[in-house]
Amino acid sequence: MAAKKSSRTWFPRVDGGVHQRIWFAKAGKGTQNDTGIAPPADQQIKNGTYSFNLAIFDPTTMTQKEAAEAGKEGSMYPGYGAQFGAQIWRMAHEAEVGDIIFLESENHHLHAVGIISGEFLPFDDIDYTLEMLNTRGVHRIPVKWIPVKEGKDFIQLGRLDNAIFRDIAEKEELASLLIFGTQKLVAEAMGIDYKEFEDRMEKVAAAAGTEETEEEEAEDDIVVTIEEPAKPVAPVVEAPKPVFAHVARNGAYIHQKITEEALHDLIKSSQVLPTDHVYHPISISWMTIAEYRKLRGLS
C-alpha cells in the first residue's frame, strides 16, 4: 500500500530556521458588546502580552478534550464553547517562546506583528470585572509587539469570526501574505540585516520540498541497478534561477509565484491595477504596481 504523501510550505524565520507555528490572534474593538472577546489592539500592545477571554477556566492542568468541555461550560458565547476551549488550551500548551504572532481585528485590520517572549501566564481564579476584561484579558502570554502602521484593510478574511487564537502555518495564502508583508519590520526590530535574511530566505525556499513519510523514505532507498556500457556525460549548464513575484489586491493574493516576464505581461495587458501590490526580491517589501513600473522603467 502506497504511503500517503503530505506537503507543507515552510516559512523561513528572520533569525534562522523555519516557522513551525504562526499564530493568528484577534483583538477586540473596545466596545461593551465586544468585551467577551479580547482587549483592543492598542491595549494589547501597551500590555506587552496577548490576552483574550471567551471562557473562564484554568487550562494548564487539562487535556485538550477537557478544555473543550470547560469551554462549553464557561463560554461567554453559548454554542461556540468547545472551539474556544481548544484555542485557550493551545495558547497554554503549544505556543512557544520565539513563535511569531499577528494581531488583527474585524477580519481586516493588522495592528502588529510580535514574537512570543514568555510562557503562558498563571491563571488568576478571581472575579473578573468589566474593566479587567477590557484591559488585560483572562488568558495571557507575553509578546514583544512590533506595531504595523499601515495595517488598515491589510487582509480580507471573510467569515473567520471564531479565529480568536489559531495556528495558520498551513493556511498558505494567509500566512504568506502576513509573513512577507512584515518580515522587514521583524528583521529591523531584531537588529538583523534584511538583505542577508533575503539571501538566506531564497536558499531555504529553494531547498524546501515535500515532506515524506518513513514508508516513502524506505521506498526511496530501494534502488534497482542495470549495468550498461559507460557513456560520455555532457556538461551540465545551469539555467538562470527564475525570480518569482506575488501580487495582491485589497489584501488578498491574486497571483503567486509568477515570473517577472509573466508579471510584465499582466501589467501590459492591464490585468493588474496600478493600486495592486507586488512583492518582488528587488523591492525588499511590498510596493504598488505603479511604484514597481517606475522602478523597472516600464511604460
Protein backbone atom coordinates (compact mmCIF):
# COMPACT_ATOMS: atom_id res chain seq x y z
CA MET A 1 0.00 0.00 0.00
CA ALA A 2 1.47 3.35 -1.06
CA ALA A 3 2.25 5.80 1.66
CA LYS A 4 0.17 8.94 1.82
CA LYS A 5 2.13 11.96 0.72
CA SER A 6 1.82 15.22 2.63
CA SER A 7 3.09 18.67 1.71
CA ARG A 8 3.59 21.94 3.51
CA THR A 9 5.06 25.33 2.75
CA TRP A 10 7.82 26.25 5.19
CA PHE A 11 8.23 29.95 6.01
CA PRO A 12 11.79 30.97 6.99
CA ARG A 13 12.34 32.89 10.24
CA VAL A 14 14.45 36.04 10.09
CA ASP A 15 16.60 34.67 12.95
CA GLY A 16 17.16 31.32 11.26
CA GLY A 17 15.21 28.10 10.79
CA VAL A 18 11.54 27.99 9.80
CA HIS A 19 8.25 28.86 11.50
CA GLN A 20 6.77 25.71 12.99
CA ARG A 21 3.69 27.64 14.10
CA ILE A 22 2.28 31.00 13.03
CA TRP A 23 -0.28 32.34 15.49
CA PHE A 24 -3.20 34.48 14.38
CA ALA A 25 -4.77 36.42 17.25
CA LYS A 26 -7.86 38.61 17.36
CA ALA A 27 -8.07 41.87 19.29
CA GLY A 28 -11.36 43.31 20.48
CA LYS A 29 -12.94 46.55 19.25
CA GLY A 30 -13.19 48.08 22.71
CA THR A 31 -16.98 48.19 22.76
CA GLN A 32 -19.22 46.83 25.53
CA ASN A 33 -20.65 44.18 23.21
CA ASP A 34 -17.13 43.09 22.39
CA THR A 35 -15.94 42.67 25.98
CA GLY A 36 -16.16 38.88 25.96
CA ILE A 37 -13.63 38.52 23.15
CA ALA A 38 -10.40 40.38 23.96
CA PRO A 39 -8.94 43.79 24.87
CA PRO A 40 -8.50 46.20 21.92
CA ALA A 41 -5.27 46.24 19.92
CA ASP A 42 -3.73 49.37 21.47
CA GLN A 43 -4.19 47.87 24.94
CA GLN A 44 -2.63 44.55 23.86
CA ILE A 45 0.45 46.37 22.54
CA LYS A 46 0.66 48.54 25.67
CA ASN A 47 0.43 45.45 27.92
CA GLY A 48 3.22 43.59 26.13
CA THR A 49 1.01 40.50 26.09
CA TYR A 50 -1.69 38.89 24.01
CA SER A 51 -4.79 38.11 26.03
CA PHE A 52 -8.35 37.03 25.39
CA ASN A 53 -11.39 35.91 27.40
CA LEU A 54 -14.28 33.84 25.95
CA ALA A 55 -14.40 31.31 28.80
CA ILE A 56 -13.03 31.43 32.34
CA PHE A 57 -11.15 28.30 33.44
CA ASP A 58 -7.59 27.14 34.08
CA PRO A 59 -6.29 25.16 31.05
CA THR A 60 -2.83 24.37 32.42
CA THR A 61 -3.66 21.01 34.03
CA MET A 62 -6.22 19.88 31.43
CA THR A 63 -6.12 17.78 28.29
CA GLN A 64 -7.39 19.43 25.12
CA LYS A 65 -10.61 17.42 25.38
CA GLU A 66 -11.13 18.56 28.97
CA ALA A 67 -10.50 22.16 27.94
CA ALA A 68 -13.11 21.86 25.19
CA GLU A 69 -15.65 20.70 27.80
CA ALA A 70 -14.66 23.51 30.16
CA GLY A 71 -15.08 25.94 27.28
CA LYS A 72 -18.64 24.73 26.78
CA GLU A 73 -19.48 25.18 30.45
CA GLY A 74 -17.97 28.64 30.81
CA SER A 75 -18.45 30.08 27.32
CA MET A 76 -19.48 33.72 27.03
CA TYR A 77 -20.95 32.80 23.64
CA PRO A 78 -23.10 29.63 24.03
CA GLY A 79 -22.71 27.24 21.13
CA TYR A 80 -19.05 28.09 20.49
CA GLY A 81 -17.53 26.98 23.77
CA ALA A 82 -15.74 23.83 22.61
CA GLN A 83 -13.84 25.73 19.94
CA PHE A 84 -12.94 28.48 22.40
CA GLY A 85 -11.79 25.95 24.99
CA ALA A 86 -9.48 24.30 22.46
CA GLN A 87 -7.99 27.67 21.47
CA ILE A 88 -7.34 28.55 25.12
CA TRP A 89 -5.67 25.15 25.60
CA ARG A 90 -3.40 25.71 22.59
CA MET A 91 -2.17 29.02 23.98
CA ALA A 92 -1.32 27.35 27.28
CA HIS A 93 0.27 24.17 25.87
CA GLU A 94 1.51 24.80 22.32
CA ALA A 95 2.52 28.45 21.98
CA GLU A 96 6.29 28.69 22.49
CA VAL A 97 8.85 31.42 23.06
CA GLY A 98 10.07 32.61 19.65
CA ASP A 99 6.83 31.86 17.80
CA ILE A 100 5.56 34.65 15.55
CA ILE A 101 2.09 36.08 16.23
CA PHE A 102 -0.09 38.50 14.26
CA LEU A 103 -2.60 40.80 15.97
CA GLU A 104 -5.71 41.58 13.89
CA SER A 105 -9.25 42.84 14.37
CA GLU A 106 -12.53 42.71 12.46
CA ASN A 107 -11.01 40.25 9.94
CA HIS A 108 -9.48 43.18 8.05
CA HIS A 109 -7.00 45.17 10.08
CA LEU A 110 -3.46 44.11 11.00
CA HIS A 111 -2.29 46.03 14.06
CA ALA A 112 1.02 44.41 14.98
CA VAL A 113 3.37 41.50 14.45
CA GLY A 114 5.00 40.02 17.51
CA ILE A 115 7.36 37.43 18.89
CA ILE A 116 6.16 35.39 21.86
CA SER A 117 8.63 36.21 24.63
CA GLY A 118 7.45 34.12 27.58
CA GLU A 119 5.32 31.21 28.73
CA PHE A 120 1.58 31.25 29.41
CA LEU A 121 0.99 33.42 32.46
CA PRO A 122 -0.56 31.93 35.60
CA PHE A 123 -4.34 31.80 35.59
CA ASP A 124 -5.98 34.04 38.20
CA ASP A 125 -9.06 32.45 39.76
CA ILE A 126 -10.72 35.73 40.69
CA ASP A 127 -13.92 37.63 39.99
CA TYR A 128 -13.16 39.49 36.78
CA THR A 129 -14.58 42.99 36.46
CA LEU A 130 -15.66 44.57 33.17
CA GLU A 131 -12.60 46.82 33.30
CA MET A 132 -10.24 43.86 33.71
CA LEU A 133 -11.78 42.03 30.74
CA ASN A 134 -11.28 45.16 28.64
CA THR A 135 -7.73 45.86 29.73
CA ARG A 136 -5.85 42.60 30.31
CA GLY A 137 -7.97 39.58 29.48
CA VAL A 138 -8.19 36.23 31.26
CA HIS A 139 -5.72 34.10 29.27
CA ARG A 140 -2.36 35.82 28.68
CA ILE A 141 1.01 35.23 27.09
CA PRO A 142 3.95 37.69 26.89
CA VAL A 143 4.65 39.15 23.43
CA LYS A 144 7.22 41.61 22.07
CA TRP A 145 4.93 43.61 19.77
CA ILE A 146 6.04 45.50 16.65
CA PRO A 147 3.24 47.89 15.58
CA VAL A 148 2.21 47.90 11.91
CA LYS A 149 1.50 51.50 10.92
CA GLU A 150 -0.26 50.81 7.60
CA GLY A 151 -2.23 47.74 8.56
CA LYS A 152 -5.76 49.02 7.95
CA ASP A 153 -7.60 46.72 5.49
CA PHE A 154 -4.36 44.72 5.14
CA ILE A 155 -6.27 41.44 5.00
CA GLN A 156 -9.66 40.21 3.77
CA LEU A 157 -10.62 37.07 5.67
CA GLY A 158 -14.35 36.73 5.13
CA ARG A 159 -16.09 34.56 7.73
CA LEU A 160 -13.37 33.71 10.23
CA ASP A 161 -15.10 35.25 13.24
CA ASN A 162 -14.11 32.34 15.50
CA ALA A 163 -10.41 32.61 14.70
CA ILE A 164 -9.57 34.16 18.08
CA PHE A 165 -6.25 32.36 18.51
CA ARG A 166 -5.16 29.75 15.99
CA ASP A 167 -2.16 28.38 14.14
CA ILE A 168 -2.27 29.34 10.44
CA ALA A 169 1.06 27.78 9.37
CA GLU A 170 -0.74 25.54 6.87
CA LYS A 171 -3.05 28.28 5.55
CA GLU A 172 -0.53 29.13 2.86
CA GLU A 173 -2.21 32.16 1.29
CA LEU A 174 -2.94 33.97 4.56
CA ALA A 175 0.36 33.02 6.22
CA SER A 176 2.37 34.05 3.16
CA LEU A 177 0.68 37.46 2.97
CA LEU A 178 1.33 38.15 6.66
CA ILE A 179 4.90 36.83 6.69
CA PHE A 180 6.07 38.57 3.52
CA GLY A 181 4.32 41.79 4.48
CA THR A 182 6.07 42.09 7.86
CA GLN A 183 9.46 40.39 7.52
CA LYS A 184 11.35 43.66 7.15
CA LEU A 185 9.73 45.06 10.32
CA VAL A 186 10.68 41.93 12.27
CA ALA A 187 14.25 41.97 10.96
CA GLU A 188 14.70 45.64 11.92
CA ALA A 189 13.24 45.05 15.39
CA MET A 190 15.64 42.13 15.94
CA GLY A 191 18.66 44.05 14.60
CA ILE A 192 19.09 41.65 11.65
CA ASP A 193 20.32 42.81 8.23
CA TYR A 194 17.32 42.29 5.96
CA LYS A 195 19.37 41.80 2.79
CA GLU A 196 21.28 38.95 4.43
CA PHE A 197 17.96 37.43 5.50
CA GLU A 198 16.58 37.69 1.95
CA ASP A 199 19.60 35.83 0.60
CA ARG A 200 19.14 33.12 3.24
CA MET A 201 15.39 33.01 2.57
CA GLU A 202 15.96 32.23 -1.11
CA LYS A 203 18.24 29.33 -0.21
CA VAL A 204 15.73 27.92 2.30
CA ALA A 205 12.88 28.26 -0.20
CA ALA A 206 14.89 26.50 -2.89
CA ALA A 207 15.76 23.64 -0.55
CA ALA A 208 12.23 23.25 0.87
CA GLY A 209 10.19 20.46 -0.66
CA THR A 210 7.52 17.91 0.03
CA GLU A 211 7.73 16.05 3.32
CA GLU A 212 7.98 12.29 3.06
CA THR A 213 6.73 9.62 5.41
CA GLU A 214 9.01 6.87 6.69
CA GLU A 215 7.47 4.42 4.21
CA GLU A 216 8.27 6.74 1.32
CA GLU A 217 11.83 7.18 2.54
CA ALA A 218 12.19 3.39 2.71
CA GLU A 219 10.88 3.08 -0.85
CA ASP A 220 13.39 5.67 -1.99
CA ASP A 221 16.19 3.52 -0.54
CA ILE A 222 15.31 0.59 -2.83
CA VAL A 223 17.34 1.10 -5.99
CA VAL A 224 17.47 -1.31 -8.95
CA THR A 225 20.72 -1.03 -10.88
CA ILE A 226 21.00 -2.16 -14.52
CA GLU A 227 24.54 -2.27 -15.84
CA GLU A 228 25.02 -0.51 -19.14
CA PRO A 229 28.11 0.45 -21.11
CA ALA A 230 29.59 3.69 -19.92
CA LYS A 231 28.57 6.74 -21.95
CA PRO A 232 30.15 10.16 -22.12
CA VAL A 233 28.38 12.68 -19.92
CA ALA A 234 27.59 16.06 -21.37
CA PRO A 235 28.49 19.07 -19.24
CA VAL A 236 25.62 20.44 -17.18
CA VAL A 237 24.79 24.07 -17.84
CA GLU A 238 22.64 25.53 -15.11
CA ALA A 239 19.76 27.69 -16.26
CA PRO A 240 19.34 31.07 -14.57
CA LYS A 241 17.29 30.77 -11.41
CA PRO A 242 13.80 32.24 -12.01
CA VAL A 243 12.72 35.17 -9.89
CA PHE A 244 9.18 34.90 -8.56
CA ALA A 245 6.79 37.65 -7.56
CA HIS A 246 3.46 37.82 -5.69
CA VAL A 247 0.59 40.23 -6.48
CA ALA A 248 -2.14 41.17 -4.00
CA ARG A 249 -5.32 43.24 -4.30
CA ASN A 250 -7.20 44.54 -1.27
CA GLY A 251 -5.02 42.40 0.99
CA ALA A 252 -5.65 39.10 -0.83
CA TYR A 253 -3.39 37.33 -3.35
CA ILE A 254 -4.48 37.38 -6.99
CA HIS A 255 -1.19 35.92 -8.35
CA GLN A 256 1.52 33.90 -6.57
CA LYS A 257 4.99 32.76 -7.59
CA ILE A 258 4.83 34.24 -11.08
CA THR A 259 7.93 35.03 -13.14
CA GLU A 260 8.98 38.59 -13.82
CA GLU A 261 8.16 38.08 -17.50
CA ALA A 262 4.62 36.96 -16.58
CA LEU A 263 4.28 39.97 -14.26
CA HIS A 264 5.24 42.33 -17.09
CA ASP A 265 2.68 40.68 -19.38
CA LEU A 266 -0.02 41.24 -16.72
CA ILE A 267 1.00 44.89 -16.46
CA LYS A 268 0.98 45.41 -20.26
CA SER A 269 -2.46 43.79 -20.60
CA SER A 270 -3.82 45.85 -17.65
CA GLN A 271 -4.80 42.66 -15.80
CA VAL A 272 -3.20 44.15 -12.69
CA LEU A 273 -4.02 47.64 -11.46
CA PRO A 274 -1.60 50.45 -10.54
CA THR A 275 -3.00 50.26 -6.99
CA ASP A 276 -2.37 46.50 -6.67
CA HIS A 277 0.64 45.50 -4.55
CA VAL A 278 3.59 43.39 -5.65
CA TYR A 279 6.22 41.60 -3.56
CA HIS A 280 9.44 41.14 -5.54
CA PRO A 281 13.04 40.40 -4.43
CA ILE A 282 14.16 43.78 -5.75
CA SER A 283 11.55 45.59 -3.68
CA ILE A 284 12.53 44.24 -0.20
CA SER A 285 8.92 44.86 0.86
CA TRP A 286 5.50 45.26 -0.76
CA MET A 287 5.11 48.13 -3.26
CA THR A 288 2.34 49.24 -5.58
CA ILE A 289 2.35 48.21 -9.23
CA ALA A 290 2.75 51.90 -10.11
CA GLU A 291 5.92 52.08 -7.96
CA TYR A 292 7.22 48.84 -9.46
CA ARG A 293 6.69 50.11 -13.04
CA LYS A 294 8.63 53.25 -12.24
CA LEU A 295 11.43 51.25 -10.61
CA ARG A 296 11.73 48.91 -13.61
CA GLY A 297 11.29 51.65 -16.24
CA LEU A 298 8.08 50.17 -17.64
CA SER A 299 5.87 52.48 -19.69
